[in-house]
């Protein structure tokens, strides 16, 4: 085990079992170690069912940011455990705008559960995802259009406003007898 691998393992152990100040220190060190910590953190999320630990690990992955995105998307696609997927999606969602394009690409996946986790992450991204989701309302793929509309609706005020603009006046209103 190299020094960095040992450092990462020790920091992950502290993230699992340390007191609050120790966990925060471990979190800072793991973020500093960057991409080298991504795979060990993912494996620890898989192996540790403790939700507090998973939350800390997902937060570290989000703070590592862009270098972690390709691996996190890969795990989101391949992982079967919904608990692991939930924390990976949360991590991507916390990254904000930089994760929008990879998450949008998942909306056309044939697996409904994967699309659901991508939707959760996009909702967590919030406002930076509104424009790409609005544009997806015109996608040729009906699944992508439906996902985009549902996500915008789920996002609340910003998403509903964008959805209303996309539908235009009179769209979605049923005939009224009067």
N, C-alpha and C. Protein backbone atom coordinates (compact mmCIF):
# COMPACT_ATOMS: atom_id res chain seq x y z
N UNK A 1 0.85 -1.17 0.00
CA UNK A 1 0.00 0.00 0.00
C UNK A 1 0.90 1.23 0.00
N UNK A 2 0.64 2.13 -0.97
CA UNK A 2 1.44 3.35 -1.03
C UNK A 2 1.00 4.30 0.07
N UNK A 3 1.81 5.33 0.30
CA UNK A 3 1.48 6.32 1.31
C UNK A 3 0.13 6.96 1.05
N UNK A 4 -0.15 7.29 -0.22
CA UNK A 4 -1.42 7.91 -0.55
C UNK A 4 -2.58 6.95 -0.29
N UNK A 5 -2.42 5.68 -0.68
CA UNK A 5 -3.48 4.69 -0.42
C UNK A 5 -3.71 4.54 1.07
N UNK A 6 -2.63 4.52 1.83
CA UNK A 6 -2.76 4.43 3.29
C UNK A 6 -3.42 5.67 3.86
N UNK A 7 -3.05 6.84 3.35
CA UNK A 7 -3.68 8.09 3.79
C UNK A 7 -5.17 8.07 3.49
N UNK A 8 -5.52 7.61 2.30
CA UNK A 8 -6.93 7.57 1.91
C UNK A 8 -7.69 6.60 2.81
N UNK A 9 -7.14 5.42 3.02
CA UNK A 9 -7.79 4.43 3.89
C UNK A 9 -7.98 4.94 5.30
N UNK A 10 -6.96 5.60 5.83
CA UNK A 10 -7.05 6.16 7.18
C UNK A 10 -8.10 7.26 7.24
N UNK A 11 -8.15 8.09 6.23
CA UNK A 11 -9.14 9.19 6.21
C UNK A 11 -10.55 8.64 6.09
N UNK A 12 -10.72 7.60 5.28
CA UNK A 12 -12.04 6.98 5.14
C UNK A 12 -12.47 6.35 6.47
N UNK A 13 -11.54 5.70 7.15
CA UNK A 13 -11.86 5.13 8.47
C UNK A 13 -12.29 6.22 9.45
N UNK A 14 -11.63 7.35 9.41
CA UNK A 14 -12.01 8.48 10.27
C UNK A 14 -13.38 9.01 9.87
N UNK A 15 -13.65 9.05 8.58
CA UNK A 15 -14.95 9.51 8.09
C UNK A 15 -16.06 8.59 8.61
N UNK A 16 -15.73 7.30 8.75
CA UNK A 16 -16.71 6.32 9.24
C UNK A 16 -16.92 6.42 10.75
N UNK A 17 -15.85 6.61 11.50
CA UNK A 17 -15.94 6.40 12.95
C UNK A 17 -15.49 7.58 13.80
N UNK A 18 -14.97 8.62 13.18
CA UNK A 18 -14.45 9.74 13.97
C UNK A 18 -15.54 10.62 14.54
N UNK A 19 -15.13 11.47 15.48
CA UNK A 19 -16.08 12.47 15.98
C UNK A 19 -16.23 13.55 14.91
N UNK A 20 -17.11 14.49 15.13
CA UNK A 20 -17.42 15.49 14.12
C UNK A 20 -16.20 16.28 13.64
N UNK A 21 -15.37 16.83 14.53
CA UNK A 21 -14.19 17.56 14.05
C UNK A 21 -13.23 16.66 13.26
N UNK A 22 -13.08 15.42 13.70
CA UNK A 22 -12.19 14.50 12.99
C UNK A 22 -12.76 14.17 11.60
N UNK A 23 -14.07 13.98 11.51
CA UNK A 23 -14.71 13.72 10.22
C UNK A 23 -14.50 14.89 9.27
N UNK A 24 -14.68 16.10 9.79
CA UNK A 24 -14.49 17.27 8.94
C UNK A 24 -13.05 17.38 8.46
N UNK A 25 -12.10 17.07 9.32
CA UNK A 25 -10.69 17.07 8.92
C UNK A 25 -10.41 16.01 7.87
N UNK A 26 -10.97 14.82 8.05
CA UNK A 26 -10.80 13.74 7.07
C UNK A 26 -11.41 14.13 5.73
N UNK A 27 -12.55 14.77 5.80
CA UNK A 27 -13.21 15.23 4.58
C UNK A 27 -12.30 16.20 3.82
N UNK A 28 -11.72 17.15 4.51
CA UNK A 28 -10.82 18.12 3.88
C UNK A 28 -9.62 17.43 3.24
N UNK A 29 -9.05 16.47 3.94
CA UNK A 29 -7.87 15.75 3.41
C UNK A 29 -8.24 14.93 2.18
N UNK A 30 -9.40 14.28 2.20
CA UNK A 30 -9.82 13.48 1.04
C UNK A 30 -10.07 14.36 -0.17
N UNK A 31 -10.66 15.52 0.05
CA UNK A 31 -10.87 16.46 -1.05
C UNK A 31 -9.52 16.89 -1.61
N UNK A 32 -8.57 17.16 -0.72
CA UNK A 32 -7.23 17.56 -1.14
C UNK A 32 -6.56 16.45 -1.96
N UNK A 33 -6.77 15.20 -1.59
CA UNK A 33 -6.18 14.08 -2.33
C UNK A 33 -6.83 13.89 -3.70
N UNK A 34 -8.03 14.41 -3.86
CA UNK A 34 -8.68 14.47 -5.16
C UNK A 34 -9.04 13.15 -5.79
N UNK A 35 -8.75 13.05 -7.07
CA UNK A 35 -9.18 11.92 -7.87
C UNK A 35 -8.68 10.58 -7.32
N UNK A 36 -7.56 10.58 -6.64
CA UNK A 36 -7.04 9.33 -6.05
C UNK A 36 -8.01 8.77 -5.00
N UNK A 37 -8.84 9.62 -4.43
CA UNK A 37 -9.78 9.18 -3.39
C UNK A 37 -11.12 8.71 -3.96
N UNK A 38 -11.37 8.94 -5.23
CA UNK A 38 -12.69 8.63 -5.81
C UNK A 38 -13.03 7.15 -5.69
N UNK A 39 -12.20 6.29 -6.22
CA UNK A 39 -12.52 4.85 -6.21
C UNK A 39 -12.62 4.30 -4.79
N UNK A 40 -11.68 4.62 -3.89
CA UNK A 40 -11.83 4.13 -2.52
C UNK A 40 -13.12 4.63 -1.84
N UNK A 41 -13.52 5.85 -2.12
CA UNK A 41 -14.76 6.36 -1.54
C UNK A 41 -15.98 5.61 -2.09
N UNK A 42 -15.98 5.35 -3.38
CA UNK A 42 -17.08 4.59 -3.99
C UNK A 42 -17.16 3.20 -3.37
N UNK A 43 -16.01 2.54 -3.25
CA UNK A 43 -15.99 1.20 -2.65
C UNK A 43 -16.47 1.24 -1.20
N UNK A 44 -16.09 2.27 -0.48
CA UNK A 44 -16.53 2.39 0.91
C UNK A 44 -18.04 2.62 0.99
N UNK A 45 -18.59 3.38 0.07
CA UNK A 45 -20.05 3.56 0.03
C UNK A 45 -20.73 2.22 -0.22
N UNK A 46 -20.16 1.43 -1.12
CA UNK A 46 -20.73 0.11 -1.43
C UNK A 46 -20.68 -0.82 -0.21
N UNK A 47 -19.59 -0.75 0.53
CA UNK A 47 -19.36 -1.70 1.63
C UNK A 47 -19.96 -1.28 2.97
N UNK A 48 -20.30 -0.01 3.10
CA UNK A 48 -20.75 0.52 4.40
C UNK A 48 -22.18 1.00 4.30
N UNK A 49 -23.11 0.29 4.94
CA UNK A 49 -24.52 0.70 4.85
C UNK A 49 -24.89 1.90 5.72
N UNK A 50 -23.97 2.34 6.57
CA UNK A 50 -24.25 3.46 7.47
C UNK A 50 -24.56 4.73 6.67
N UNK A 51 -25.75 5.29 6.86
CA UNK A 51 -26.17 6.44 6.06
C UNK A 51 -25.37 7.70 6.39
N UNK A 52 -24.96 7.87 7.64
CA UNK A 52 -24.13 9.03 7.97
C UNK A 52 -22.82 8.99 7.20
N UNK A 53 -22.18 7.83 7.21
CA UNK A 53 -20.93 7.70 6.46
C UNK A 53 -21.16 7.94 4.97
N UNK A 54 -22.20 7.33 4.41
CA UNK A 54 -22.47 7.49 2.99
C UNK A 54 -22.67 8.97 2.64
N UNK A 55 -23.33 9.69 3.53
CA UNK A 55 -23.56 11.11 3.29
C UNK A 55 -22.23 11.87 3.24
N UNK A 56 -21.36 11.60 4.21
CA UNK A 56 -20.04 12.24 4.22
C UNK A 56 -19.24 11.89 2.97
N UNK A 57 -19.25 10.61 2.60
CA UNK A 57 -18.49 10.17 1.43
C UNK A 57 -19.03 10.82 0.15
N UNK A 58 -20.36 10.89 0.02
CA UNK A 58 -20.96 11.53 -1.16
C UNK A 58 -20.61 13.01 -1.20
N UNK A 59 -20.58 13.63 -0.05
CA UNK A 59 -20.22 15.05 0.03
C UNK A 59 -18.77 15.27 -0.41
N UNK A 60 -17.88 14.37 -0.01
CA UNK A 60 -16.48 14.47 -0.43
C UNK A 60 -16.38 14.30 -1.95
N UNK A 61 -17.09 13.31 -2.50
CA UNK A 61 -17.07 13.09 -3.95
C UNK A 61 -17.57 14.34 -4.69
N UNK A 62 -18.61 14.96 -4.17
CA UNK A 62 -19.13 16.19 -4.80
C UNK A 62 -18.09 17.29 -4.76
N UNK A 63 -17.38 17.40 -3.65
CA UNK A 63 -16.37 18.45 -3.52
C UNK A 63 -15.13 18.18 -4.38
N UNK A 64 -14.85 16.91 -4.65
CA UNK A 64 -13.76 16.59 -5.58
C UNK A 64 -14.12 17.12 -6.96
N UNK A 65 -15.39 17.00 -7.30
CA UNK A 65 -15.92 17.66 -8.49
C UNK A 65 -15.67 16.99 -9.82
N UNK A 66 -15.38 17.80 -10.81
CA UNK A 66 -15.30 17.38 -12.20
C UNK A 66 -14.48 16.11 -12.44
N UNK A 67 -13.32 15.94 -11.83
CA UNK A 67 -12.56 14.71 -12.11
C UNK A 67 -13.31 13.43 -11.71
N UNK A 68 -14.27 13.54 -10.80
CA UNK A 68 -15.01 12.37 -10.33
C UNK A 68 -16.21 12.04 -11.21
N UNK A 69 -16.67 12.97 -12.02
CA UNK A 69 -17.93 12.79 -12.75
C UNK A 69 -17.96 11.55 -13.63
N UNK A 70 -16.97 11.31 -14.49
CA UNK A 70 -17.07 10.12 -15.36
C UNK A 70 -17.22 8.81 -14.57
N UNK A 71 -16.46 8.67 -13.49
CA UNK A 71 -16.55 7.43 -12.70
C UNK A 71 -17.90 7.34 -11.98
N UNK A 72 -18.39 8.46 -11.47
CA UNK A 72 -19.68 8.45 -10.77
C UNK A 72 -20.82 8.10 -11.73
N UNK A 73 -20.77 8.62 -12.94
CA UNK A 73 -21.80 8.28 -13.93
C UNK A 73 -21.71 6.80 -14.27
N UNK A 74 -20.51 6.29 -14.40
CA UNK A 74 -20.31 4.87 -14.69
C UNK A 74 -20.90 4.01 -13.57
N UNK A 75 -20.66 4.39 -12.33
CA UNK A 75 -21.21 3.65 -11.19
C UNK A 75 -22.73 3.76 -11.17
N UNK A 76 -23.25 4.93 -11.44
CA UNK A 76 -24.70 5.11 -11.47
C UNK A 76 -25.33 4.18 -12.51
N UNK A 77 -24.66 4.00 -13.63
CA UNK A 77 -25.16 3.11 -14.70
C UNK A 77 -25.07 1.63 -14.31
N UNK A 78 -24.00 1.24 -13.64
CA UNK A 78 -23.74 -0.18 -13.43
C UNK A 78 -24.19 -0.73 -12.07
N UNK A 79 -24.28 0.12 -11.09
CA UNK A 79 -24.61 -0.32 -9.73
C UNK A 79 -26.05 -0.81 -9.66
N UNK A 80 -26.27 -1.87 -8.92
CA UNK A 80 -27.62 -2.41 -8.76
C UNK A 80 -28.24 -2.04 -7.42
N UNK A 81 -27.42 -1.70 -6.43
CA UNK A 81 -27.92 -1.35 -5.10
C UNK A 81 -28.50 0.06 -5.13
N UNK A 82 -29.82 0.19 -4.92
CA UNK A 82 -30.42 1.52 -4.97
C UNK A 82 -29.89 2.47 -3.89
N UNK A 83 -29.46 1.94 -2.75
CA UNK A 83 -28.89 2.78 -1.71
C UNK A 83 -27.59 3.42 -2.17
N UNK A 84 -26.75 2.66 -2.82
CA UNK A 84 -25.49 3.20 -3.36
C UNK A 84 -25.80 4.22 -4.44
N UNK A 85 -26.73 3.87 -5.32
CA UNK A 85 -27.09 4.78 -6.41
C UNK A 85 -27.62 6.11 -5.88
N UNK A 86 -28.39 6.05 -4.82
CA UNK A 86 -28.97 7.27 -4.24
C UNK A 86 -27.87 8.25 -3.82
N UNK A 87 -26.82 7.73 -3.17
CA UNK A 87 -25.74 8.60 -2.71
C UNK A 87 -24.85 9.07 -3.86
N UNK A 88 -24.67 8.24 -4.86
CA UNK A 88 -23.90 8.65 -6.04
C UNK A 88 -24.65 9.75 -6.78
N UNK A 89 -25.97 9.58 -6.92
CA UNK A 89 -26.79 10.61 -7.57
C UNK A 89 -26.77 11.91 -6.77
N UNK A 90 -26.84 11.80 -5.46
CA UNK A 90 -26.79 12.99 -4.61
C UNK A 90 -25.46 13.72 -4.79
N UNK A 91 -24.39 12.96 -4.89
CA UNK A 91 -23.08 13.55 -5.10
C UNK A 91 -23.04 14.32 -6.42
N UNK A 92 -23.54 13.71 -7.48
CA UNK A 92 -23.58 14.39 -8.78
C UNK A 92 -24.46 15.64 -8.72
N UNK A 93 -25.59 15.53 -8.05
CA UNK A 93 -26.48 16.68 -7.93
C UNK A 93 -25.85 17.84 -7.19
N UNK A 94 -25.04 17.53 -6.19
CA UNK A 94 -24.37 18.58 -5.42
C UNK A 94 -23.28 19.29 -6.22
N UNK A 95 -22.83 18.67 -7.30
CA UNK A 95 -21.78 19.28 -8.12
C UNK A 95 -22.32 20.44 -8.94
N UNK A 96 -23.62 20.51 -9.10
CA UNK A 96 -24.22 21.62 -9.81
C UNK A 96 -24.04 21.54 -11.32
N UNK A 97 -23.86 22.70 -11.90
CA UNK A 97 -23.87 22.86 -13.36
C UNK A 97 -22.92 21.92 -14.09
N UNK A 98 -21.77 21.65 -13.51
CA UNK A 98 -20.78 20.81 -14.21
C UNK A 98 -21.26 19.37 -14.41
N UNK A 99 -22.27 18.93 -13.66
CA UNK A 99 -22.79 17.57 -13.81
C UNK A 99 -24.04 17.51 -14.69
N UNK A 100 -24.54 18.64 -15.15
CA UNK A 100 -25.80 18.66 -15.89
C UNK A 100 -25.73 17.85 -17.17
N UNK A 101 -24.74 18.09 -18.02
CA UNK A 101 -24.69 17.38 -19.31
C UNK A 101 -24.60 15.86 -19.14
N UNK A 102 -23.71 15.35 -18.27
CA UNK A 102 -23.68 13.89 -18.10
C UNK A 102 -25.00 13.33 -17.55
N UNK A 103 -25.66 14.09 -16.68
CA UNK A 103 -26.94 13.64 -16.14
C UNK A 103 -28.03 13.68 -17.21
N UNK A 104 -28.02 14.72 -18.04
CA UNK A 104 -29.01 14.82 -19.12
C UNK A 104 -28.88 13.62 -20.07
N UNK A 105 -27.66 13.19 -20.32
CA UNK A 105 -27.44 12.06 -21.22
C UNK A 105 -28.08 10.78 -20.69
N UNK A 106 -28.26 10.69 -19.39
CA UNK A 106 -28.86 9.49 -18.80
C UNK A 106 -30.37 9.43 -18.99
N UNK A 107 -31.00 10.53 -19.36
CA UNK A 107 -32.45 10.55 -19.52
C UNK A 107 -32.94 9.70 -20.68
N UNK A 108 -32.06 9.36 -21.59
CA UNK A 108 -32.46 8.52 -22.72
C UNK A 108 -32.14 7.05 -22.47
N UNK A 109 -31.60 6.72 -21.32
CA UNK A 109 -31.26 5.34 -21.02
C UNK A 109 -32.53 4.49 -20.94
N UNK A 110 -32.46 3.24 -21.40
CA UNK A 110 -33.66 2.40 -21.35
C UNK A 110 -34.07 1.97 -19.93
N UNK A 111 -33.17 2.10 -18.96
CA UNK A 111 -33.49 1.66 -17.60
C UNK A 111 -34.23 2.77 -16.84
N UNK A 112 -35.49 2.54 -16.50
CA UNK A 112 -36.27 3.57 -15.80
C UNK A 112 -35.66 3.98 -14.46
N UNK A 113 -35.10 3.04 -13.72
CA UNK A 113 -34.54 3.38 -12.41
C UNK A 113 -33.34 4.32 -12.55
N UNK A 114 -32.52 4.09 -13.56
CA UNK A 114 -31.37 4.98 -13.81
C UNK A 114 -31.87 6.38 -14.16
N UNK A 115 -32.90 6.45 -15.00
CA UNK A 115 -33.46 7.76 -15.34
C UNK A 115 -33.99 8.45 -14.08
N UNK A 116 -34.57 7.67 -13.18
CA UNK A 116 -35.07 8.24 -11.93
C UNK A 116 -33.97 8.82 -11.07
N UNK A 117 -32.85 8.13 -10.97
CA UNK A 117 -31.73 8.66 -10.19
C UNK A 117 -31.13 9.90 -10.86
N UNK A 118 -31.08 9.90 -12.20
CA UNK A 118 -30.61 11.10 -12.90
C UNK A 118 -31.57 12.26 -12.64
N UNK A 119 -32.87 11.97 -12.61
CA UNK A 119 -33.87 13.01 -12.34
C UNK A 119 -33.68 13.58 -10.94
N UNK A 120 -33.45 12.72 -9.97
CA UNK A 120 -33.21 13.20 -8.60
C UNK A 120 -32.00 14.13 -8.56
N UNK A 121 -30.95 13.73 -9.25
CA UNK A 121 -29.74 14.55 -9.26
C UNK A 121 -29.99 15.89 -9.95
N UNK A 122 -30.71 15.88 -11.06
CA UNK A 122 -30.99 17.13 -11.77
C UNK A 122 -31.87 18.06 -10.93
N UNK A 123 -32.81 17.49 -10.20
CA UNK A 123 -33.61 18.32 -9.28
C UNK A 123 -32.72 18.96 -8.23
N UNK A 124 -31.76 18.20 -7.75
CA UNK A 124 -30.84 18.72 -6.74
C UNK A 124 -29.95 19.82 -7.31
N UNK A 125 -29.58 19.70 -8.59
CA UNK A 125 -28.79 20.74 -9.26
C UNK A 125 -29.59 22.04 -9.27
N UNK A 126 -30.87 21.93 -9.57
CA UNK A 126 -31.75 23.09 -9.55
C UNK A 126 -31.62 23.98 -10.77
N UNK A 127 -31.60 25.28 -10.53
CA UNK A 127 -31.67 26.30 -11.58
C UNK A 127 -30.72 26.05 -12.77
N UNK A 128 -29.45 25.65 -12.56
CA UNK A 128 -28.58 25.44 -13.73
C UNK A 128 -29.08 24.34 -14.68
N UNK A 129 -29.99 23.50 -14.22
CA UNK A 129 -30.51 22.43 -15.07
C UNK A 129 -31.76 22.85 -15.84
N UNK A 130 -32.35 23.98 -15.50
CA UNK A 130 -33.63 24.38 -16.10
C UNK A 130 -33.52 24.56 -17.61
N UNK A 131 -32.53 25.29 -18.09
CA UNK A 131 -32.42 25.54 -19.53
C UNK A 131 -32.20 24.25 -20.31
N UNK A 132 -31.26 23.37 -19.91
CA UNK A 132 -31.10 22.12 -20.65
C UNK A 132 -32.36 21.24 -20.60
N UNK A 133 -33.05 21.25 -19.48
CA UNK A 133 -34.29 20.48 -19.39
C UNK A 133 -35.37 21.09 -20.29
N UNK A 134 -35.43 22.41 -20.34
CA UNK A 134 -36.40 23.08 -21.22
C UNK A 134 -36.12 22.73 -22.68
N UNK A 135 -34.84 22.73 -23.05
CA UNK A 135 -34.47 22.37 -24.42
C UNK A 135 -34.84 20.92 -24.72
N UNK A 136 -34.75 20.06 -23.71
CA UNK A 136 -35.07 18.64 -23.90
C UNK A 136 -36.56 18.40 -24.13
N UNK A 137 -37.38 19.38 -23.86
CA UNK A 137 -38.81 19.24 -24.13
C UNK A 137 -39.09 19.10 -25.62
N UNK A 138 -38.11 19.47 -26.46
CA UNK A 138 -38.23 19.33 -27.91
C UNK A 138 -37.44 18.15 -28.46
N UNK A 139 -36.91 17.32 -27.57
CA UNK A 139 -36.11 16.17 -28.01
C UNK A 139 -36.97 15.23 -28.85
N UNK A 140 -36.33 14.54 -29.79
CA UNK A 140 -37.07 13.60 -30.63
C UNK A 140 -37.49 12.35 -29.86
N UNK A 141 -36.81 12.05 -28.76
CA UNK A 141 -37.11 10.87 -27.93
C UNK A 141 -38.22 11.21 -26.93
N UNK A 142 -39.32 10.52 -27.05
CA UNK A 142 -40.48 10.78 -26.18
C UNK A 142 -40.13 10.58 -24.70
N UNK A 143 -39.28 9.60 -24.41
CA UNK A 143 -38.87 9.35 -23.03
C UNK A 143 -38.12 10.55 -22.47
N UNK A 144 -37.22 11.11 -23.24
CA UNK A 144 -36.46 12.28 -22.80
C UNK A 144 -37.40 13.45 -22.57
N UNK A 145 -38.34 13.66 -23.50
CA UNK A 145 -39.31 14.76 -23.34
C UNK A 145 -40.13 14.58 -22.07
N UNK A 146 -40.61 13.37 -21.83
CA UNK A 146 -41.41 13.10 -20.63
C UNK A 146 -40.60 13.30 -19.36
N UNK A 147 -39.38 12.79 -19.37
CA UNK A 147 -38.50 12.96 -18.20
C UNK A 147 -38.25 14.44 -17.93
N UNK A 148 -37.93 15.18 -18.98
CA UNK A 148 -37.64 16.60 -18.81
C UNK A 148 -38.85 17.34 -18.22
N UNK A 149 -40.04 17.04 -18.73
CA UNK A 149 -41.25 17.71 -18.23
C UNK A 149 -41.49 17.36 -16.76
N UNK A 150 -41.35 16.08 -16.42
CA UNK A 150 -41.56 15.67 -15.03
C UNK A 150 -40.53 16.28 -14.09
N UNK A 151 -39.29 16.35 -14.53
CA UNK A 151 -38.24 16.94 -13.68
C UNK A 151 -38.51 18.43 -13.48
N UNK A 152 -38.85 19.12 -14.56
CA UNK A 152 -39.15 20.55 -14.42
C UNK A 152 -40.31 20.76 -13.46
N UNK A 153 -41.33 19.96 -13.57
CA UNK A 153 -42.48 20.06 -12.66
C UNK A 153 -42.03 19.81 -11.22
N UNK A 154 -41.21 18.79 -11.02
CA UNK A 154 -40.74 18.42 -9.68
C UNK A 154 -39.84 19.50 -9.07
N UNK A 155 -39.18 20.28 -9.91
CA UNK A 155 -38.25 21.30 -9.43
C UNK A 155 -38.96 22.46 -8.72
N UNK A 156 -40.23 22.57 -8.93
CA UNK A 156 -40.96 23.66 -8.28
C UNK A 156 -41.01 24.90 -9.14
N UNK A 157 -41.00 26.04 -8.52
CA UNK A 157 -41.27 27.32 -9.18
C UNK A 157 -40.46 27.56 -10.45
N UNK A 158 -39.14 27.43 -10.38
CA UNK A 158 -38.31 27.68 -11.56
C UNK A 158 -38.64 26.72 -12.70
N UNK A 159 -38.79 25.45 -12.36
CA UNK A 159 -39.09 24.45 -13.38
C UNK A 159 -40.48 24.59 -13.95
N UNK A 160 -41.44 24.88 -13.11
CA UNK A 160 -42.82 25.03 -13.57
C UNK A 160 -42.95 26.25 -14.48
N UNK A 161 -42.25 27.32 -14.13
CA UNK A 161 -42.26 28.52 -14.97
C UNK A 161 -41.70 28.18 -16.36
N UNK A 162 -40.58 27.46 -16.40
CA UNK A 162 -39.98 27.07 -17.68
C UNK A 162 -40.91 26.14 -18.45
N UNK A 163 -41.54 25.23 -17.77
CA UNK A 163 -42.48 24.30 -18.40
C UNK A 163 -43.66 25.07 -18.99
N UNK A 164 -44.17 26.04 -18.24
CA UNK A 164 -45.28 26.86 -18.73
C UNK A 164 -44.90 27.64 -19.98
N UNK A 165 -43.70 28.21 -20.00
CA UNK A 165 -43.23 28.96 -21.16
C UNK A 165 -43.09 28.04 -22.37
N UNK A 166 -42.60 26.83 -22.13
CA UNK A 166 -42.40 25.88 -23.22
C UNK A 166 -43.73 25.42 -23.81
N UNK A 167 -44.71 25.26 -22.95
CA UNK A 167 -46.01 24.82 -23.44
C UNK A 167 -46.75 25.93 -24.17
N UNK A 168 -46.49 27.15 -23.78
CA UNK A 168 -47.12 28.29 -24.43
C UNK A 168 -48.56 28.47 -23.97
N UNK A 169 -49.16 29.60 -24.35
CA UNK A 169 -50.52 29.87 -23.92
C UNK A 169 -51.50 28.86 -24.53
N UNK A 170 -52.35 28.37 -23.70
CA UNK A 170 -53.40 27.45 -24.14
C UNK A 170 -52.98 26.00 -24.21
N UNK A 171 -51.68 25.73 -24.21
CA UNK A 171 -51.21 24.35 -24.25
C UNK A 171 -51.54 23.66 -22.94
N UNK A 172 -51.93 22.44 -23.02
CA UNK A 172 -52.18 21.66 -21.82
C UNK A 172 -53.52 21.97 -21.17
N UNK A 173 -54.27 22.93 -21.72
CA UNK A 173 -55.57 23.23 -21.15
C UNK A 173 -56.62 22.45 -21.93
N UNK A 174 -57.48 21.83 -21.19
CA UNK A 174 -58.56 21.08 -21.84
C UNK A 174 -59.62 22.02 -22.35
N UNK A 175 -60.46 21.51 -23.26
CA UNK A 175 -61.57 22.32 -23.77
C UNK A 175 -62.54 22.57 -22.62
N UNK A 176 -63.07 23.74 -22.64
CA UNK A 176 -64.03 24.09 -21.60
C UNK A 176 -65.39 24.29 -22.25
N UNK A 177 -66.33 23.63 -21.69
CA UNK A 177 -67.69 23.85 -22.15
C UNK A 177 -68.26 25.03 -21.40
N UNK A 178 -68.89 25.88 -22.07
CA UNK A 178 -69.38 27.00 -21.31
C UNK A 178 -70.50 27.59 -21.90
